[in-house]
Amino acid sequence: MIRHILLIKFKDSVGSREIADLEVLFASMVSKIDGVDSVEWGTNNSPEQLNKGFTHSVFMTFTNEQARENYLPHPEHETLKKVFVPLLDDIVVFDYQV
Protein backbone atom coordinates (compact mmCIF):
# COMPACT_ATOMS: atom_id res chain seq x y z
CA MET A 1 0.00 0.00 0.00
CA ILE A 2 1.28 3.46 -0.92
CA ARG A 3 0.22 6.68 0.78
CA HIS A 4 0.44 9.84 -1.34
CA ILE A 5 0.18 13.11 0.57
CA LEU A 6 -0.17 16.56 -0.96
CA LEU A 7 0.12 19.73 1.09
CA ILE A 8 -1.35 22.58 -0.91
CA LYS A 9 -0.93 26.35 -0.91
CA PHE A 10 -3.32 27.99 -3.36
CA LYS A 11 -2.75 31.30 -5.11
CA ASP A 12 -4.51 34.20 -3.37
CA SER A 13 -6.75 34.62 -6.42
CA VAL A 14 -8.26 31.12 -6.12
CA GLY A 15 -11.85 31.17 -4.91
CA SER A 16 -13.81 28.75 -2.78
CA ARG A 17 -15.83 27.49 -5.79
CA GLU A 18 -12.63 26.49 -7.62
CA ILE A 19 -11.39 24.68 -4.52
CA ALA A 20 -14.71 22.86 -4.07
CA ASP A 21 -14.68 21.77 -7.72
CA LEU A 22 -11.13 20.52 -7.32
CA GLU A 23 -12.08 18.49 -4.27
CA VAL A 24 -14.78 16.72 -6.32
CA LEU A 25 -12.31 16.08 -9.12
CA PHE A 26 -9.81 14.52 -6.72
CA ALA A 27 -12.52 12.33 -5.17
CA SER A 28 -13.50 11.07 -8.61
CA MET A 29 -10.09 9.45 -9.09
CA VAL A 30 -11.26 6.46 -7.00
CA SER A 31 -13.89 5.55 -9.59
CA LYS A 32 -11.80 6.49 -12.62
CA ILE A 33 -8.42 4.85 -11.97
CA ASP A 34 -7.90 1.27 -10.83
CA GLY A 35 -5.72 1.00 -7.76
CA VAL A 36 -6.69 4.35 -6.26
CA ASP A 37 -8.33 2.99 -3.10
CA SER A 38 -9.22 6.24 -1.37
CA VAL A 39 -8.89 10.00 -1.48
CA GLU A 40 -9.33 12.25 1.55
CA TRP A 41 -9.45 16.03 1.34
CA GLY A 42 -8.80 18.27 4.32
CA THR A 43 -8.44 21.88 5.33
CA ASN A 44 -5.87 22.84 7.93
CA ASN A 45 -7.36 23.53 11.34
CA SER A 46 -4.29 23.14 13.52
CA PRO A 47 -4.14 25.62 16.42
CA GLU A 48 -0.32 25.46 16.26
CA GLN A 49 -0.22 27.62 13.11
CA LEU A 50 2.87 25.84 11.77
CA ASN A 51 1.38 25.16 8.32
CA LYS A 52 3.56 27.79 6.59
CA GLY A 53 0.69 28.95 4.40
CA PHE A 54 -0.37 25.47 3.28
CA THR A 55 -4.13 25.39 3.71
CA HIS A 56 -5.33 22.09 2.22
CA SER A 57 -4.25 18.49 1.98
CA VAL A 58 -5.01 15.45 -0.13
CA PHE A 59 -4.32 12.01 1.28
CA MET A 60 -4.51 9.24 -1.31
CA THR A 61 -4.07 5.52 -0.88
CA PHE A 62 -2.88 3.33 -3.73
CA THR A 63 -3.22 -0.45 -3.64
CA ASN A 64 0.48 -0.88 -4.32
CA GLU A 65 3.45 0.70 -6.06
CA GLN A 66 2.24 -0.46 -9.48
CA ALA A 67 -1.08 1.33 -8.92
CA ARG A 68 0.80 4.57 -8.22
CA GLU A 69 2.91 4.03 -11.34
CA ASN A 70 -0.30 3.59 -13.37
CA TYR A 71 -1.86 6.70 -11.82
CA LEU A 72 0.96 9.14 -12.55
CA PRO A 73 0.74 9.09 -16.39
CA HIS A 74 -2.98 8.19 -16.50
CA PRO A 75 -5.11 10.49 -18.74
CA GLU A 76 -7.50 11.22 -15.85
CA HIS A 77 -4.56 12.34 -13.70
CA GLU A 78 -3.36 14.53 -16.57
CA THR A 79 -6.83 16.10 -16.77
CA LEU A 80 -6.75 16.71 -13.01
CA LYS A 81 -3.35 18.38 -13.27
CA LYS A 82 -4.58 20.75 -15.99
CA VAL A 83 -7.15 22.08 -13.52
CA PHE A 84 -4.99 21.82 -10.38
CA VAL A 85 -1.54 23.14 -11.31
CA PRO A 86 -2.64 26.64 -12.42
CA LEU A 87 -4.26 27.14 -8.99
CA LEU A 88 -1.09 26.35 -7.02
CA ASP A 89 1.20 28.76 -5.28
CA ASP A 90 3.18 25.87 -3.76
CA ILE A 91 2.88 22.15 -3.07
CA VAL A 92 4.63 19.43 -1.09
CA VAL A 93 4.27 15.84 -2.32
CA PHE A 94 5.28 13.03 0.01
CA ASP A 95 4.81 9.31 -0.60
CA TYR A 96 5.54 6.36 1.62
CA GLN A 97 4.92 2.63 1.65
CA VAL A 98 2.77 1.18 4.41
PDB file of N, CA and C in Angstrom:
ATOM      1  N   MET A   1       0.847  -1.174   0.000  1.00  0.00           N
ATOM      2  CA  MET A   1       0.000   0.000   0.000  1.00  0.00           C
ATOM      3  C   MET A   1       0.896   1.242   0.000  1.00  0.00           C
ATOM      4  N   ILE A   2       0.540   2.198  -0.832  1.00  0.00           N
ATOM      5  CA  ILE A   2       1.284   3.456  -0.921  1.00  0.00           C
ATOM      6  C   ILE A   2       0.390   4.599  -0.470  1.00  0.00           C
ATOM      7  N   ARG A   3       0.902   5.439   0.392  1.00  0.00           N
ATOM      8  CA  ARG A   3       0.222   6.679   0.784  1.00  0.00           C
ATOM      9  C   ARG A   3       0.855   7.820  -0.011  1.00  0.00           C
ATOM     10  N   HIS A   4       0.023   8.701  -0.498  1.00  0.00           N
ATOM     11  CA  HIS A   4       0.438   9.837  -1.335  1.00  0.00           C
ATOM     12  C   HIS A   4      -0.184  11.079  -0.704  1.00  0.00           C
ATOM     13  N   ILE A   5       0.656  11.940  -0.159  1.00  0.00           N
ATOM     14  CA  ILE A   5       0.185  13.112   0.573  1.00  0.00           C
ATOM     15  C   ILE A   5       0.562  14.378  -0.190  1.00  0.00           C
ATOM     16  N   LEU A   6      -0.412  15.252  -0.368  1.00  0.00           N
ATOM     17  CA  LEU A   6      -0.173  16.561  -0.965  1.00  0.00           C
ATOM     18  C   LEU A   6      -0.516  17.621   0.071  1.00  0.00           C
ATOM     19  N   LEU A   7       0.392  18.539   0.291  1.00  0.00           N
ATOM     20  CA  LEU A   7       0.121  19.730   1.089  1.00  0.00           C
ATOM     21  C   LEU A   7       0.055  20.893   0.115  1.00  0.00           C
ATOM     22  N   ILE A   8      -1.032  21.640   0.151  1.00  0.00           N
ATOM     23  CA  ILE A   8      -1.348  22.582  -0.909  1.00  0.00           C
ATOM     24  C   ILE A   8      -1.436  24.014  -0.386  1.00  0.00           C
ATOM     25  N   LYS A   9      -0.799  24.908  -1.127  1.00  0.00           N
ATOM     26  CA  LYS A   9      -0.935  26.350  -0.907  1.00  0.00           C
ATOM     27  C   LYS A   9      -1.477  26.921  -2.216  1.00  0.00           C
ATOM     28  N   PHE A  10      -2.706  27.429  -2.167  1.00  0.00           N
ATOM     29  CA  PHE A  10      -3.318  27.993  -3.357  1.00  0.00           C
ATOM     30  C   PHE A  10      -2.900  29.445  -3.559  1.00  0.00           C
ATOM     31  N   LYS A  11      -2.955  29.887  -4.806  1.00  0.00           N
ATOM     32  CA  LYS A  11      -2.745  31.305  -5.111  1.00  0.00           C
ATOM     33  C   LYS A  11      -3.844  32.108  -4.417  1.00  0.00           C
ATOM     34  N   ASP A  12      -3.536  33.339  -4.043  1.00  0.00           N
ATOM     35  CA  ASP A  12      -4.507  34.197  -3.371  1.00  0.00           C
ATOM     36  C   ASP A  12      -5.763  34.423  -4.213  1.00  0.00           C
ATOM     37  N   SER A  13      -5.622  34.351  -5.524  1.00  0.00           N
ATOM     38  CA  SER A  13      -6.745  34.621  -6.420  1.00  0.00           C
ATOM     39  C   SER A  13      -7.730  33.455  -6.547  1.00  0.00           C
ATOM     40  N   VAL A  14      -7.410  32.310  -5.982  1.00  0.00           N
ATOM     41  CA  VAL A  14      -8.264  31.122  -6.117  1.00  0.00           C
ATOM     42  C   VAL A  14      -9.448  31.237  -5.159  1.00  0.00           C
ATOM     43  N   GLY A  15     -10.639  31.050  -5.709  1.00  0.00           N
ATOM     44  CA  GLY A  15     -11.853  31.167  -4.911  1.00  0.00           C
ATOM     45  C   GLY A  15     -12.345  29.847  -4.356  1.00  0.00           C
ATOM     46  N   SER A  16     -13.286  29.931  -3.443  1.00  0.00           N
ATOM     47  CA  SER A  16     -13.813  28.747  -2.776  1.00  0.00           C
ATOM     48  C   SER A  16     -14.526  27.807  -3.750  1.00  0.00           C
ATOM     49  N   ARG A  17     -15.158  28.343  -4.788  1.00  0.00           N
ATOM     50  CA  ARG A  17     -15.828  27.493  -5.787  1.00  0.00           C
ATOM     51  C   ARG A  17     -14.818  26.639  -6.544  1.00  0.00           C
ATOM     52  N   GLU A  18     -13.682  27.240  -6.916  1.00  0.00           N
ATOM     53  CA  GLU A  18     -12.627  26.491  -7.622  1.00  0.00           C
ATOM     54  C   GLU A  18     -12.078  25.381  -6.735  1.00  0.00           C
ATOM     55  N   ILE A  19     -11.910  25.677  -5.462  1.00  0.00           N
ATOM     56  CA  ILE A  19     -11.390  24.679  -4.524  1.00  0.00           C
ATOM     57  C   ILE A  19     -12.398  23.555  -4.338  1.00  0.00           C
ATOM     58  N   ALA A  20     -13.671  23.879  -4.220  1.00  0.00           N
ATOM     59  CA  ALA A  20     -14.708  22.858  -4.067  1.00  0.00           C
ATOM     60  C   ALA A  20     -14.776  21.961  -5.309  1.00  0.00           C
ATOM     61  N   ASP A  21     -14.679  22.556  -6.485  1.00  0.00           N
ATOM     62  CA  ASP A  21     -14.681  21.770  -7.724  1.00  0.00           C
ATOM     63  C   ASP A  21     -13.470  20.840  -7.787  1.00  0.00           C
ATOM     64  N   LEU A  22     -12.343  21.327  -7.334  1.00  0.00           N
ATOM     65  CA  LEU A  22     -11.127  20.522  -7.324  1.00  0.00           C
ATOM     66  C   LEU A  22     -11.256  19.336  -6.365  1.00  0.00           C
ATOM     67  N   GLU A  23     -11.859  19.570  -5.235  1.00  0.00           N
ATOM     68  CA  GLU A  23     -12.077  18.487  -4.268  1.00  0.00           C
ATOM     69  C   GLU A  23     -12.901  17.361  -4.906  1.00  0.00           C
ATOM     70  N   VAL A  24     -13.944  17.718  -5.632  1.00  0.00           N
ATOM     71  CA  VAL A  24     -14.777  16.724  -6.316  1.00  0.00           C
ATOM     72  C   VAL A  24     -13.960  15.976  -7.364  1.00  0.00           C
ATOM     73  N   LEU A  25     -13.137  16.709  -8.087  1.00  0.00           N
ATOM     74  CA  LEU A  25     -12.308  16.084  -9.115  1.00  0.00           C
ATOM     75  C   LEU A  25     -11.332  15.086  -8.511  1.00  0.00           C
ATOM     76  N   PHE A  26     -10.709  15.452  -7.398  1.00  0.00           N
ATOM     77  CA  PHE A  26      -9.810  14.516  -6.715  1.00  0.00           C
ATOM     78  C   PHE A  26     -10.576  13.273  -6.260  1.00  0.00           C
ATOM     79  N   ALA A  27     -11.731  13.456  -5.661  1.00  0.00           N
ATOM     80  CA  ALA A  27     -12.521  12.328  -5.165  1.00  0.00           C
ATOM     81  C   ALA A  27     -12.904  11.377  -6.291  1.00  0.00           C
ATOM     82  N   SER A  28     -13.090  11.909  -7.484  1.00  0.00           N
ATOM     83  CA  SER A  28     -13.504  11.075  -8.614  1.00  0.00           C
ATOM     84  C   SER A  28     -12.412  10.119  -9.081  1.00  0.00           C
ATOM     85  N   MET A  29     -11.188  10.321  -8.659  1.00  0.00           N
ATOM     86  CA  MET A  29     -10.092   9.452  -9.088  1.00  0.00           C
ATOM     87  C   MET A  29     -10.313   8.009  -8.641  1.00  0.00           C
ATOM     88  N   VAL A  30     -11.004   7.815  -7.519  1.00  0.00           N
ATOM     89  CA  VAL A  30     -11.258   6.463  -7.001  1.00  0.00           C
ATOM     90  C   VAL A  30     -12.071   5.658  -8.012  1.00  0.00           C
ATOM     91  N   SER A  31     -13.039   6.275  -8.637  1.00  0.00           N
ATOM     92  CA  SER A  31     -13.889   5.546  -9.587  1.00  0.00           C
ATOM     93  C   SER A  31     -13.336   5.556 -11.011  1.00  0.00           C
ATOM     94  N   LYS A  32     -12.325   6.364 -11.272  1.00  0.00           N
ATOM     95  CA  LYS A  32     -11.802   6.488 -12.624  1.00  0.00           C
ATOM     96  C   LYS A  32     -10.507   5.726 -12.870  1.00  0.00           C
ATOM     97  N   ILE A  33      -9.736   5.468 -11.803  1.00  0.00           N
ATOM     98  CA  ILE A  33      -8.423   4.852 -11.974  1.00  0.00           C
ATOM     99  C   ILE A  33      -8.294   3.652 -11.045  1.00  0.00           C
ATOM    100  N   ASP A  34      -8.095   2.478 -11.627  1.00  0.00           N
ATOM    101  CA  ASP A  34      -7.898   1.271 -10.832  1.00  0.00           C
ATOM    102  C   ASP A  34      -6.673   1.422  -9.936  1.00  0.00           C
ATOM    103  N   GLY A  35      -6.828   0.970  -8.700  1.00  0.00           N
ATOM    104  CA  GLY A  35      -5.716   1.001  -7.761  1.00  0.00           C
ATOM    105  C   GLY A  35      -5.697   2.225  -6.870  1.00  0.00           C
ATOM    106  N   VAL A  36      -6.530   3.219  -7.173  1.00  0.00           N
ATOM    107  CA  VAL A  36      -6.695   4.354  -6.257  1.00  0.00           C
ATOM    108  C   VAL A  36      -7.796   3.926  -5.287  1.00  0.00           C
ATOM    109  N   ASP A  37      -7.390   3.555  -4.080  1.00  0.00           N
ATOM    110  CA  ASP A  37      -8.326   2.994  -3.103  1.00  0.00           C
ATOM    111  C   ASP A  37      -9.135   4.056  -2.385  1.00  0.00           C
ATOM    112  N   SER A  38      -8.506   5.186  -2.091  1.00  0.00           N
ATOM    113  CA  SER A  38      -9.225   6.240  -1.367  1.00  0.00           C
ATOM    114  C   SER A  38      -8.553   7.586  -1.581  1.00  0.00           C
ATOM    115  N   VAL A  39      -9.366   8.623  -1.427  1.00  0.00           N
ATOM    116  CA  VAL A  39      -8.895  10.004  -1.478  1.00  0.00           C
ATOM    117  C   VAL A  39      -9.589  10.761  -0.349  1.00  0.00           C
ATOM    118  N   GLU A  40      -8.796  11.390   0.490  1.00  0.00           N
ATOM    119  CA  GLU A  40      -9.334  12.250   1.547  1.00  0.00           C
ATOM    120  C   GLU A  40      -8.860  13.666   1.285  1.00  0.00           C
ATOM    121  N   TRP A  41      -9.731  14.617   1.533  1.00  0.00           N
ATOM    122  CA  TRP A  41      -9.448  16.031   1.343  1.00  0.00           C
ATOM    123  C   TRP A  41      -9.601  16.696   2.690  1.00  0.00           C
ATOM    124  N   GLY A  42      -8.694  17.580   3.041  1.00  0.00           N
ATOM    125  CA  GLY A  42      -8.805  18.265   4.322  1.00  0.00           C
ATOM    126  C   GLY A  42      -8.314  19.695   4.261  1.00  0.00           C
ATOM    127  N   THR A  43      -8.850  20.483   5.166  1.00  0.00           N
ATOM    128  CA  THR A  43      -8.443  21.876   5.328  1.00  0.00           C
ATOM    129  C   THR A  43      -7.752  22.011   6.674  1.00  0.00           C
ATOM    130  N   ASN A  44      -6.628  22.694   6.696  1.00  0.00           N
ATOM    131  CA  ASN A  44      -5.869  22.841   7.934  1.00  0.00           C
ATOM    132  C   ASN A  44      -6.715  23.502   9.022  1.00  0.00           C
ATOM    133  N   ASN A  45      -6.699  22.914  10.199  1.00  0.00           N
ATOM    134  CA  ASN A  45      -7.362  23.527  11.343  1.00  0.00           C
ATOM    135  C   ASN A  45      -6.496  23.434  12.599  1.00  0.00           C
ATOM    136  N   SER A  46      -5.202  23.286  12.388  1.00  0.00           N
ATOM    137  CA  SER A  46      -4.291  23.144  13.518  1.00  0.00           C
ATOM    138  C   SER A  46      -4.174  24.462  14.291  1.00  0.00           C
ATOM    139  N   PRO A  47      -4.313  24.410  15.609  1.00  0.00           N
ATOM    140  CA  PRO A  47      -4.136  25.619  16.419  1.00  0.00           C
ATOM    141  C   PRO A  47      -2.667  26.032  16.547  1.00  0.00           C
ATOM    142  N   GLU A  48      -1.746  25.155  16.128  1.00  0.00           N
ATOM    143  CA  GLU A  48      -0.319  25.456  16.260  1.00  0.00           C
ATOM    144  C   GLU A  48       0.159  26.489  15.244  1.00  0.00           C
ATOM    145  N   GLN A  49      -0.558  26.648  14.152  1.00  0.00           N
ATOM    146  CA  GLN A  49      -0.221  27.618  13.108  1.00  0.00           C
ATOM    147  C   GLN A  49       1.203  27.426  12.576  1.00  0.00           C
ATOM    148  N   LEU A  50       1.557  26.173  12.316  1.00  0.00           N
ATOM    149  CA  LEU A  50       2.869  25.836  11.768  1.00  0.00           C
ATOM    150  C   LEU A  50       2.757  25.359  10.321  1.00  0.00           C
ATOM    151  N   ASN A  51       1.655  25.664   9.666  1.00  0.00           N
ATOM    152  CA  ASN A  51       1.385  25.160   8.323  1.00  0.00           C
ATOM    153  C   ASN A  51       2.091  25.933   7.216  1.00  0.00           C
ATOM    154  N   LYS A  52       2.756  27.023   7.535  1.00  0.00           N
ATOM    155  CA  LYS A  52       3.563  27.792   6.587  1.00  0.00           C
ATOM    156  C   LYS A  52       2.790  28.187   5.328  1.00  0.00           C
ATOM    157  N   GLY A  53       1.508  28.489   5.515  1.00  0.00           N
ATOM    158  CA  GLY A  53       0.688  28.950   4.405  1.00  0.00           C
ATOM    159  C   GLY A  53      -0.004  27.848   3.633  1.00  0.00           C
ATOM    160  N   PHE A  54       0.315  26.585   3.927  1.00  0.00           N
ATOM    161  CA  PHE A  54      -0.366  25.470   3.281  1.00  0.00           C
ATOM    162  C   PHE A  54      -1.729  25.308   3.958  1.00  0.00           C
ATOM    163  N   THR A  55      -2.776  25.341   3.157  1.00  0.00           N
ATOM    164  CA  THR A  55      -4.130  25.391   3.714  1.00  0.00           C
ATOM    165  C   THR A  55      -4.935  24.106   3.526  1.00  0.00           C
ATOM    166  N   HIS A  56      -4.561  23.285   2.549  1.00  0.00           N
ATOM    167  CA  HIS A  56      -5.334  22.093   2.222  1.00  0.00           C
ATOM    168  C   HIS A  56      -4.408  20.890   2.065  1.00  0.00           C
ATOM    169  N   SER A  57      -5.008  19.707   2.204  1.00  0.00           N
ATOM    170  CA  SER A  57      -4.246  18.485   1.979  1.00  0.00           C
ATOM    171  C   SER A  57      -5.098  17.490   1.215  1.00  0.00           C
ATOM    172  N   VAL A  58      -4.401  16.620   0.504  1.00  0.00           N
ATOM    173  CA  VAL A  58      -5.012  15.454  -0.132  1.00  0.00           C
ATOM    174  C   VAL A  58      -4.214  14.256   0.348  1.00  0.00           C
ATOM    175  N   PHE A  59      -4.931  13.232   0.775  1.00  0.00           N
ATOM    176  CA  PHE A  59      -4.324  12.006   1.285  1.00  0.00           C
ATOM    177  C   PHE A  59      -4.895  10.864   0.457  1.00  0.00           C
ATOM    178  N   MET A  60      -4.063  10.308  -0.412  1.00  0.00           N
ATOM    179  CA  MET A  60      -4.509   9.243  -1.313  1.00  0.00           C
ATOM    180  C   MET A  60      -3.865   7.923  -0.900  1.00  0.00           C
ATOM    181  N   THR A  61      -4.602   6.847  -1.115  1.00  0.00           N
ATOM    182  CA  THR A  61      -4.072   5.520  -0.876  1.00  0.00           C
ATOM    183  C   THR A  61      -4.132   4.732  -2.177  1.00  0.00           C
ATOM    184  N   PHE A  62      -2.989   4.193  -2.563  1.00  0.00           N
ATOM    185  CA  PHE A  62      -2.885   3.331  -3.732  1.00  0.00           C
ATOM    186  C   PHE A  62      -2.728   1.890  -3.245  1.00  0.00           C
ATOM    187  N   THR A  63      -3.292   0.961  -3.988  1.00  0.00           N
ATOM    188  CA  THR A  63      -3.224  -0.454  -3.640  1.00  0.00           C
ATOM    189  C   THR A  63      -1.781  -0.909  -3.451  1.00  0.00           C
ATOM    190  N   ASN A  64      -0.916  -0.482  -4.366  1.00  0.00           N
ATOM    191  CA  ASN A  64       0.483  -0.883  -4.319  1.00  0.00           C
ATOM    192  C   ASN A  64       1.291   0.086  -5.194  1.00  0.00           C
ATOM    193  N   GLU A  65       2.571  -0.181  -5.291  1.00  0.00           N
ATOM    194  CA  GLU A  65       3.449   0.699  -6.056  1.00  0.00           C
ATOM    195  C   GLU A  65       3.068   0.738  -7.536  1.00  0.00           C
ATOM    196  N   GLN A  66       2.648  -0.408  -8.074  1.00  0.00           N
ATOM    197  CA  GLN A  66       2.235  -0.455  -9.479  1.00  0.00           C
ATOM    198  C   GLN A  66       1.016   0.432  -9.731  1.00  0.00           C
ATOM    199  N   ALA A  67       0.105   0.468  -8.783  1.00  0.00           N
ATOM    200  CA  ALA A  67      -1.077   1.333  -8.922  1.00  0.00           C
ATOM    201  C   ALA A  67      -0.663   2.802  -8.988  1.00  0.00           C
ATOM    202  N   ARG A  68       0.307   3.190  -8.157  1.00  0.00           N
ATOM    203  CA  ARG A  68       0.804   4.569  -8.223  1.00  0.00           C
ATOM    204  C   ARG A  68       1.469   4.832  -9.566  1.00  0.00           C
ATOM    205  N   GLU A  69       2.243   3.875 -10.040  1.00  0.00           N
ATOM    206  CA  GLU A  69       2.909   4.034 -11.337  1.00  0.00           C
ATOM    207  C   GLU A  69       1.887   4.156 -12.472  1.00  0.00           C
ATOM    208  N   ASN A  70       0.770   3.470 -12.364  1.00  0.00           N
ATOM    209  CA  ASN A  70      -0.297   3.586 -13.365  1.00  0.00           C
ATOM    210  C   ASN A  70      -1.010   4.934 -13.279  1.00  0.00           C
ATOM    211  N   TYR A  71      -1.162   5.441 -12.061  1.00  0.00           N
ATOM    212  CA  TYR A  71      -1.858   6.705 -11.818  1.00  0.00           C
ATOM    213  C   TYR A  71      -1.105   7.901 -12.404  1.00  0.00           C
ATOM    214  N   LEU A  72       0.186   7.944 -12.195  1.00  0.00           N
ATOM    215  CA  LEU A  72       0.956   9.145 -12.548  1.00  0.00           C
ATOM    216  C   LEU A  72       0.811   9.561 -14.015  1.00  0.00           C
ATOM    217  N   PRO A  73       0.908   8.665 -14.998  1.00  0.00           N
ATOM    218  CA  PRO A  73       0.740   9.087 -16.390  1.00  0.00           C
ATOM    219  C   PRO A  73      -0.697   8.922 -16.917  1.00  0.00           C
ATOM    220  N   HIS A  74      -1.610   8.488 -16.063  1.00  0.00           N
ATOM    221  CA  HIS A  74      -2.976   8.188 -16.500  1.00  0.00           C
ATOM    222  C   HIS A  74      -3.657   9.448 -17.064  1.00  0.00           C
ATOM    223  N   PRO A  75      -4.429   9.323 -18.145  1.00  0.00           N
ATOM    224  CA  PRO A  75      -5.108  10.485 -18.736  1.00  0.00           C
ATOM    225  C   PRO A  75      -6.016  11.240 -17.757  1.00  0.00           C
ATOM    226  N   GLU A  76      -6.652  10.526 -16.837  1.00  0.00           N
ATOM    227  CA  GLU A  76      -7.501  11.215 -15.847  1.00  0.00           C
ATOM    228  C   GLU A  76      -6.659  12.054 -14.887  1.00  0.00           C
ATOM    229  N   HIS A  77      -5.469  11.558 -14.546  1.00  0.00           N
ATOM    230  CA  HIS A  77      -4.561  12.341 -13.705  1.00  0.00           C
ATOM    231  C   HIS A  77      -4.060  13.561 -14.464  1.00  0.00           C
ATOM    232  N   GLU A  78      -3.782  13.394 -15.742  1.00  0.00           N
ATOM    233  CA  GLU A  78      -3.356  14.529 -16.569  1.00  0.00           C
ATOM    234  C   GLU A  78      -4.455  15.590 -16.650  1.00  0.00           C
ATOM    235  N   THR A  79      -5.697  15.170 -16.763  1.00  0.00           N
ATOM    236  CA  THR A  79      -6.833  16.103 -16.767  1.00  0.00           C
ATOM    237  C   THR A  79      -6.917  16.840 -15.439  1.00  0.00           C
ATOM    238  N   LEU A  80      -6.751  16.107 -14.346  1.00  0.00           N
ATOM    239  CA  LEU A  80      -6.751  16.712 -13.013  1.00  0.00           C
ATOM    240  C   LEU A  80      -5.663  17.766 -12.902  1.00  0.00           C
ATOM    241  N   LYS A  81      -4.475  17.439 -13.368  1.00  0.00           N
ATOM    242  CA  LYS A  81      -3.349  18.384 -13.267  1.00  0.00           C
ATOM    243  C   LYS A  81      -3.598  19.663 -14.066  1.00  0.00           C
ATOM    244  N   LYS A  82      -4.285  19.561 -15.184  1.00  0.00           N
ATOM    245  CA  LYS A  82      -4.581  20.752 -15.991  1.00  0.00           C
ATOM    246  C   LYS A  82      -5.453  21.741 -15.227  1.00  0.00           C
ATOM    247  N   VAL A  83      -6.301  21.234 -14.362  1.00  0.00           N
ATOM    248  CA  VAL A  83      -7.145  22.083 -13.517  1.00  0.00           C
ATOM    249  C   VAL A  83      -6.370  22.542 -12.282  1.00  0.00           C
ATOM    250  N   PHE A  84      -5.624  21.630 -11.681  1.00  0.00           N
ATOM    251  CA  PHE A  84      -4.991  21.823 -10.379  1.00  0.00           C
ATOM    252  C   PHE A  84      -3.762  22.733 -10.418  1.00  0.00           C
ATOM    253  N   VAL A  85      -2.841  22.442 -11.300  1.00  0.00           N
ATOM    254  CA  VAL A  85      -1.544  23.135 -11.309  1.00  0.00           C
ATOM    255  C   VAL A  85      -1.668  24.655 -11.456  1.00  0.00           C
ATOM    256  N   PRO A  86      -2.543  25.172 -12.310  1.00  0.00           N
ATOM    257  CA  PRO A  86      -2.643  26.637 -12.417  1.00  0.00           C
ATOM    258  C   PRO A  86      -3.149  27.334 -11.140  1.00  0.00           C
ATOM    259  N   LEU A  87      -3.743  26.571 -10.232  1.00  0.00           N
ATOM    260  CA  LEU A  87      -4.263  27.145  -8.991  1.00  0.00           C
ATOM    261  C   LEU A  87      -3.217  27.207  -7.880  1.00  0.00           C
ATOM    262  N   LEU A  88      -2.089  26.527  -8.084  1.00  0.00           N
ATOM    263  CA  LEU A  88      -1.094  26.352  -7.022  1.00  0.00           C
ATOM    264  C   LEU A  88      -0.148  27.532  -6.871  1.00  0.00           C
ATOM    265  N   ASP A  89       0.094  27.877  -5.622  1.00  0.00           N
ATOM    266  CA  ASP A  89       1.199  28.757  -5.276  1.00  0.00           C
ATOM    267  C   ASP A  89       2.398  27.895  -4.883  1.00  0.00           C
ATOM    268  N   ASP A  90       2.117  26.776  -4.179  1.00  0.00           N
ATOM    269  CA  ASP A  90       3.178  25.866  -3.758  1.00  0.00           C
ATOM    270  C   ASP A  90       2.539  24.522  -3.394  1.00  0.00           C
ATOM    271  N   ILE A  91       3.360  23.485  -3.417  1.00  0.00           N
ATOM    272  CA  ILE A  91       2.880  22.149  -3.066  1.00  0.00           C
ATOM    273  C   ILE A  91       4.037  21.328  -2.509  1.00  0.00           C
ATOM    274  N   VAL A  92       3.703  20.442  -1.581  1.00  0.00           N
ATOM    275  CA  VAL A  92       4.626  19.427  -1.089  1.00  0.00           C
ATOM    276  C   VAL A  92       3.979  18.089  -1.406  1.00  0.00           C
ATOM    277  N   VAL A  93       4.740  17.185  -2.023  1.00  0.00           N
ATOM    278  CA  VAL A  93       4.274  15.837  -2.325  1.00  0.00           C
ATOM    279  C   VAL A  93       5.168  14.880  -1.572  1.00  0.00           C
ATOM    280  N   PHE A  94       4.525  13.975  -0.825  1.00  0.00           N
ATOM    281  CA  PHE A  94       5.277  13.031   0.013  1.00  0.00           C
ATOM    282  C   PHE A  94       4.585  11.674  -0.072  1.00  0.00           C
ATOM    283  N   ASP A  95       5.337  10.665  -0.490  1.00  0.00           N
ATOM    284  CA  ASP A  95       4.806   9.309  -0.599  1.00  0.00           C
ATOM    285  C   ASP A  95       5.566   8.384   0.352  1.00  0.00           C
ATOM    286  N   TYR A  96       4.863   7.392   0.842  1.00  0.00           N
ATOM    287  CA  TYR A  96       5.538   6.356   1.621  1.00  0.00           C
ATOM    288  C   TYR A  96       4.781   5.036   1.497  1.00  0.00           C
ATOM    289  N   GLN A  97       5.510   3.962   1.713  1.00  0.00           N
ATOM    290  CA  GLN A  97       4.917   2.629   1.649  1.00  0.00           C
ATOM    291  C   GLN A  97       4.500   2.205   3.039  1.00  0.00           C
ATOM    292  N   VAL A  98       3.291   1.659   3.120  1.00  0.00           N
ATOM    293  CA  VAL A  98       2.774   1.185   4.414  1.00  0.00           C
ATOM    294  C   VAL A  98       3.194  -0.243   4.600  1.00  0.00           C
TER     295      VAL A  98
END
